[in-house]
Amino acid sequence: VAGLSLSDVIQLNGNNGFSGCITVQ
């Protein structure tokens, strides 16, 4: 997701009810 920080992505997926994994390298 371009233009978003990792914290933003975590909050976005949390609000959207995401199930799965975020892999960070």
PDB file of all heavy atoms in Angstrom:
ATOM      1  N   VAL A   1       0.849  -1.175   0.000  1.00  0.00           N
ATOM      2  CA  VAL A   1       0.000   0.000   0.000  1.00  0.00           C
ATOM      3  C   VAL A   1       0.889   1.231   0.000  1.00  0.00           C
ATOM      4  O   VAL A   1       1.499   1.567   1.009  1.00  0.00           O
ATOM      5  CB  VAL A   1      -0.942   0.018   1.224  1.00  0.00           C
ATOM      6  CG1 VAL A   1      -1.887   1.216   1.152  1.00  0.00           C
ATOM      7  CG2 VAL A   1      -1.740  -1.276   1.310  1.00  0.00           C
ATOM      8  N   ALA A   2       0.997   1.887  -1.141  1.00  0.00           N
ATOM      9  CA  ALA A   2       1.935   2.995  -1.274  1.00  0.00           C
ATOM     10  C   ALA A   2       1.491   4.187  -0.446  1.00  0.00           C
ATOM     11  O   ALA A   2       0.308   4.480  -0.308  1.00  0.00           O
ATOM     12  CB  ALA A   2       2.042   3.408  -2.739  1.00  0.00           C
ATOM     13  N   GLY A   3       2.461   4.913   0.114  1.00  0.00           N
ATOM     14  CA  GLY A   3       2.200   6.142   0.831  1.00  0.00           C
ATOM     15  C   GLY A   3       1.782   5.970   2.277  1.00  0.00           C
ATOM     16  O   GLY A   3       1.495   6.960   2.953  1.00  0.00           O
ATOM     17  N   LEU A   4       1.706   4.742   2.789  1.00  0.00           N
ATOM     18  CA  LEU A   4       1.312   4.507   4.162  1.00  0.00           C
ATOM     19  C   LEU A   4       2.483   3.943   4.958  1.00  0.00           C
ATOM     20  O   LEU A   4       3.264   3.149   4.446  1.00  0.00           O
ATOM     21  CB  LEU A   4       0.143   3.524   4.233  1.00  0.00           C
ATOM     22  CG  LEU A   4      -1.181   3.956   3.589  1.00  0.00           C
ATOM     23  CD1 LEU A   4      -2.215   2.855   3.763  1.00  0.00           C
ATOM     24  CD2 LEU A   4      -1.682   5.251   4.193  1.00  0.00           C
ATOM     25  N   SER A   5       2.583   4.346   6.218  1.00  0.00           N
ATOM     26  CA  SER A   5       3.590   3.769   7.098  1.00  0.00           C
ATOM     27  C   SER A   5       3.128   2.389   7.559  1.00  0.00           C
ATOM     28  O   SER A   5       1.956   2.020   7.395  1.00  0.00           O
ATOM     29  CB  SER A   5       3.805   4.672   8.312  1.00  0.00           C
ATOM     30  OG  SER A   5       2.657   4.648   9.150  1.00  0.00           O
ATOM     31  N   LEU A   6       4.033   1.649   8.185  1.00  0.00           N
ATOM     32  CA  LEU A   6       3.672   0.334   8.704  1.00  0.00           C
ATOM     33  C   LEU A   6       2.585   0.457   9.756  1.00  0.00           C
ATOM     34  O   LEU A   6       1.630  -0.330   9.788  1.00  0.00           O
ATOM     35  CB  LEU A   6       4.910  -0.354   9.285  1.00  0.00           C
ATOM     36  CG  LEU A   6       4.698  -1.739   9.898  1.00  0.00           C
ATOM     37  CD1 LEU A   6       4.134  -2.708   8.872  1.00  0.00           C
ATOM     38  CD2 LEU A   6       6.014  -2.270  10.471  1.00  0.00           C
ATOM     39  N   SER A   7       2.693   1.462  10.624  1.00  0.00           N
ATOM     40  CA  SER A   7       1.670   1.681  11.641  1.00  0.00           C
ATOM     41  C   SER A   7       0.314   1.973  10.996  1.00  0.00           C
ATOM     42  O   SER A   7      -0.724   1.472  11.446  1.00  0.00           O
ATOM     43  CB  SER A   7       2.090   2.844  12.549  1.00  0.00           C
ATOM     44  OG  SER A   7       1.142   3.050  13.569  1.00  0.00           O
ATOM     45  N   ASP A   8       0.323   2.769   9.919  1.00  0.00           N
ATOM     46  CA  ASP A   8      -0.925   3.067   9.203  1.00  0.00           C
ATOM     47  C   ASP A   8      -1.557   1.798   8.641  1.00  0.00           C
ATOM     48  O   ASP A   8      -2.779   1.606   8.710  1.00  0.00           O
ATOM     49  CB  ASP A   8      -0.666   4.044   8.056  1.00  0.00           C
ATOM     50  CG  ASP A   8      -0.316   5.438   8.533  1.00  0.00           C
ATOM     51  OD1 ASP A   8      -0.730   5.807   9.644  1.00  0.00           O
ATOM     52  OD2 ASP A   8       0.400   6.147   7.792  1.00  0.00           O
ATOM     53  N   VAL A   9      -0.728   0.946   8.053  1.00  0.00           N
ATOM     54  CA  VAL A   9      -1.225  -0.293   7.449  1.00  0.00           C
ATOM     55  C   VAL A   9      -1.822  -1.202   8.516  1.00  0.00           C
ATOM     56  O   VAL A   9      -2.881  -1.822   8.312  1.00  0.00           O
ATOM     57  CB  VAL A   9      -0.097  -1.015   6.688  1.00  0.00           C
ATOM     58  CG1 VAL A   9      -0.531  -2.410   6.247  1.00  0.00           C
ATOM     59  CG2 VAL A   9       0.310  -0.198   5.475  1.00  0.00           C
ATOM     60  N   ILE A  10      -1.180  -1.272   9.679  1.00  0.00           N
ATOM     61  CA  ILE A  10      -1.691  -2.103  10.764  1.00  0.00           C
ATOM     62  C   ILE A  10      -3.045  -1.593  11.230  1.00  0.00           C
ATOM     63  O   ILE A  10      -3.999  -2.362  11.402  1.00  0.00           O
ATOM     64  CB  ILE A  10      -0.680  -2.132  11.926  1.00  0.00           C
ATOM     65  CG1 ILE A  10       0.546  -2.955  11.516  1.00  0.00           C
ATOM     66  CG2 ILE A  10      -1.314  -2.722  13.191  1.00  0.00           C
ATOM     67  CD1 ILE A  10       1.682  -2.899  12.511  1.00  0.00           C
ATOM     68  N   GLN A  11      -3.164  -0.288  11.417  1.00  0.00           N
ATOM     69  CA  GLN A  11      -4.441   0.278  11.851  1.00  0.00           C
ATOM     70  C   GLN A  11      -5.522   0.101  10.789  1.00  0.00           C
ATOM     71  O   GLN A  11      -6.677  -0.209  11.102  1.00  0.00           O
ATOM     72  CB  GLN A  11      -4.261   1.756  12.179  1.00  0.00           C
ATOM     73  CG  GLN A  11      -3.380   2.006  13.397  1.00  0.00           C
ATOM     74  CD  GLN A  11      -3.341   3.465  13.778  1.00  0.00           C
ATOM     75  OE1 GLN A  11      -4.328   4.041  14.233  1.00  0.00           O
ATOM     76  NE2 GLN A  11      -2.195   4.104  13.591  1.00  0.00           N
ATOM     77  N   LEU A  12      -5.164   0.301   9.525  1.00  0.00           N
ATOM     78  CA  LEU A  12      -6.118   0.153   8.430  1.00  0.00           C
ATOM     79  C   LEU A  12      -6.657  -1.268   8.369  1.00  0.00           C
ATOM     80  O   LEU A  12      -7.872  -1.485   8.259  1.00  0.00           O
ATOM     81  CB  LEU A  12      -5.449   0.531   7.105  1.00  0.00           C
ATOM     82  CG  LEU A  12      -6.304   0.395   5.842  1.00  0.00           C
ATOM     83  CD1 LEU A  12      -7.487   1.359   5.904  1.00  0.00           C
ATOM     84  CD2 LEU A  12      -5.462   0.664   4.596  1.00  0.00           C
ATOM     85  N   ASN A  13      -5.768  -2.241   8.467  1.00  0.00           N
ATOM     86  CA  ASN A  13      -6.207  -3.635   8.402  1.00  0.00           C
ATOM     87  C   ASN A  13      -6.962  -4.048   9.656  1.00  0.00           C
ATOM     88  O   ASN A  13      -7.862  -4.890   9.589  1.00  0.00           O
ATOM     89  CB  ASN A  13      -4.999  -4.545   8.172  1.00  0.00           C
ATOM     90  CG  ASN A  13      -4.536  -4.521   6.727  1.00  0.00           C
ATOM     91  OD1 ASN A  13      -5.091  -5.186   5.868  1.00  0.00           O
ATOM     92  ND2 ASN A  13      -3.501  -3.729   6.444  1.00  0.00           N
ATOM     93  N   GLY A  14      -6.594  -3.441  10.781  1.00  0.00           N
ATOM     94  CA  GLY A  14      -7.345  -3.702  11.999  1.00  0.00           C
ATOM     95  C   GLY A  14      -8.776  -3.208  11.877  1.00  0.00           C
ATOM     96  O   GLY A  14      -9.734  -3.916  12.222  1.00  0.00           O
ATOM     97  N   ASN A  15      -8.939  -1.994  11.350  1.00  0.00           N
ATOM     98  CA  ASN A  15     -10.281  -1.434  11.178  1.00  0.00           C
ATOM     99  C   ASN A  15     -11.099  -2.195  10.141  1.00  0.00           C
ATOM    100  O   ASN A  15     -12.335  -2.217  10.218  1.00  0.00           O
ATOM    101  CB  ASN A  15     -10.180   0.038  10.773  1.00  0.00           C
ATOM    102  CG  ASN A  15      -9.620   0.912  11.881  1.00  0.00           C
ATOM    103  OD1 ASN A  15      -9.713   0.569  13.053  1.00  0.00           O
ATOM    104  ND2 ASN A  15      -9.020   2.033  11.511  1.00  0.00           N
ATOM    105  N   ASN A  16     -10.426  -2.805   9.174  1.00  0.00           N
ATOM    106  CA  ASN A  16     -11.121  -3.524   8.101  1.00  0.00           C
ATOM    107  C   ASN A  16     -11.384  -4.989   8.425  1.00  0.00           C
ATOM    108  O   ASN A  16     -11.889  -5.736   7.581  1.00  0.00           O
ATOM    109  CB  ASN A  16     -10.318  -3.430   6.802  1.00  0.00           C
ATOM    110  CG  ASN A  16     -10.341  -2.031   6.214  1.00  0.00           C
ATOM    111  OD1 ASN A  16     -11.227  -1.241   6.531  1.00  0.00           O
ATOM    112  ND2 ASN A  16      -9.375  -1.722   5.365  1.00  0.00           N
ATOM    113  N   GLY A  17     -11.021  -5.419   9.639  1.00  0.00           N
ATOM    114  CA  GLY A  17     -11.270  -6.809  10.028  1.00  0.00           C
ATOM    115  C   GLY A  17     -10.396  -7.813   9.306  1.00  0.00           C
ATOM    116  O   GLY A  17     -10.813  -8.954   9.061  1.00  0.00           O
ATOM    117  N   PHE A  18      -9.169  -7.421   8.974  1.00  0.00           N
ATOM    118  CA  PHE A  18      -8.249  -8.274   8.213  1.00  0.00           C
ATOM    119  C   PHE A  18      -7.881  -9.545   8.975  1.00  0.00           C
ATOM    120  O   PHE A  18      -7.642  -9.519  10.176  1.00  0.00           O
ATOM    121  CB  PHE A  18      -6.980  -7.475   7.910  1.00  0.00           C
ATOM    122  CG  PHE A  18      -5.872  -8.250   7.237  1.00  0.00           C
ATOM    123  CD1 PHE A  18      -5.993  -8.696   5.940  1.00  0.00           C
ATOM    124  CD2 PHE A  18      -4.691  -8.515   7.924  1.00  0.00           C
ATOM    125  CE1 PHE A  18      -4.972  -9.385   5.322  1.00  0.00           C
ATOM    126  CE2 PHE A  18      -3.651  -9.204   7.315  1.00  0.00           C
ATOM    127  CZ  PHE A  18      -3.794  -9.641   6.011  1.00  0.00           C
ATOM    128  N   SER A  19      -7.841 -10.657   8.278  1.00  0.00           N
ATOM    129  CA  SER A  19      -7.311 -11.915   8.802  1.00  0.00           C
ATOM    130  C   SER A  19      -6.178 -12.353   7.885  1.00  0.00           C
ATOM    131  O   SER A  19      -6.367 -12.449   6.667  1.00  0.00           O
ATOM    132  CB  SER A  19      -8.392 -12.995   8.849  1.00  0.00           C
ATOM    133  OG  SER A  19      -9.383 -12.697   9.804  1.00  0.00           O
ATOM    134  N   GLY A  20      -5.034 -12.620   8.453  1.00  0.00           N
ATOM    135  CA  GLY A  20      -3.876 -12.998   7.656  1.00  0.00           C
ATOM    136  C   GLY A  20      -2.600 -12.543   8.328  1.00  0.00           C
ATOM    137  O   GLY A  20      -2.533 -12.433   9.557  1.00  0.00           O
ATOM    138  N   CYS A  21      -1.586 -12.269   7.519  1.00  0.00           N
ATOM    139  CA  CYS A  21      -0.257 -11.954   8.043  1.00  0.00           C
ATOM    140  C   CYS A  21       0.329 -10.759   7.293  1.00  0.00           C
ATOM    141  O   CYS A  21       0.163 -10.637   6.079  1.00  0.00           O
ATOM    142  CB  CYS A  21       0.658 -13.180   7.894  1.00  0.00           C
ATOM    143  SG  CYS A  21       2.383 -12.900   8.381  1.00  0.00           S
ATOM    144  N   ILE A  22       0.980  -9.870   8.038  1.00  0.00           N
ATOM    145  CA  ILE A  22       1.821  -8.836   7.440  1.00  0.00           C
ATOM    146  C   ILE A  22       3.266  -9.265   7.653  1.00  0.00           C
ATOM    147  O   ILE A  22       3.710  -9.409   8.787  1.00  0.00           O
ATOM    148  CB  ILE A  22       1.578  -7.455   8.073  1.00  0.00           C
ATOM    149  CG1 ILE A  22       0.142  -6.991   7.844  1.00  0.00           C
ATOM    150  CG2 ILE A  22       2.549  -6.428   7.511  1.00  0.00           C
ATOM    151  CD1 ILE A  22      -0.179  -5.648   8.467  1.00  0.00           C
ATOM    152  N   THR A  23       3.972  -9.493   6.570  1.00  0.00           N
ATOM    153  CA  THR A  23       5.382  -9.864   6.641  1.00  0.00           C
ATOM    154  C   THR A  23       6.233  -8.627   6.387  1.00  0.00           C
ATOM    155  O   THR A  23       6.012  -7.908   5.415  1.00  0.00           O
ATOM    156  CB  THR A  23       5.719 -10.948   5.607  1.00  0.00           C
ATOM    157  OG1 THR A  23       4.948 -12.121   5.897  1.00  0.00           O
ATOM    158  CG2 THR A  23       7.204 -11.314   5.656  1.00  0.00           C
ATOM    159  N   VAL A  24       7.170  -8.373   7.276  1.00  0.00           N
ATOM    160  CA  VAL A  24       8.015  -7.179   7.194  1.00  0.00           C
ATOM    161  C   VAL A  24       9.473  -7.614   7.061  1.00  0.00           C
ATOM    162  O   VAL A  24       9.945  -8.458   7.836  1.00  0.00           O
ATOM    163  CB  VAL A  24       7.850  -6.295   8.445  1.00  0.00           C
ATOM    164  CG1 VAL A  24       8.621  -4.988   8.279  1.00  0.00           C
ATOM    165  CG2 VAL A  24       6.381  -6.015   8.730  1.00  0.00           C
ATOM    166  N   GLN A  25      10.174  -7.044   6.083  1.00  0.00           N
ATOM    167  CA  GLN A  25      11.593  -7.354   5.885  1.00  0.00           C
ATOM    168  C   GLN A  25      12.421  -6.098   6.080  1.00  0.00           C
ATOM    169  O   GLN A  25      12.155  -5.052   5.497  1.00  0.00           O
ATOM    170  CB  GLN A  25      11.846  -7.919   4.484  1.00  0.00           C
ATOM    171  CG  GLN A  25      13.296  -8.349   4.271  1.00  0.00           C
ATOM    172  CD  GLN A  25      13.486  -9.143   2.992  1.00  0.00           C
ATOM    173  OE1 GLN A  25      12.527  -9.408   2.275  1.00  0.00           O
ATOM    174  NE2 GLN A  25      14.724  -9.518   2.712  1.00  0.00           N
TER     175      GLN A  25
END
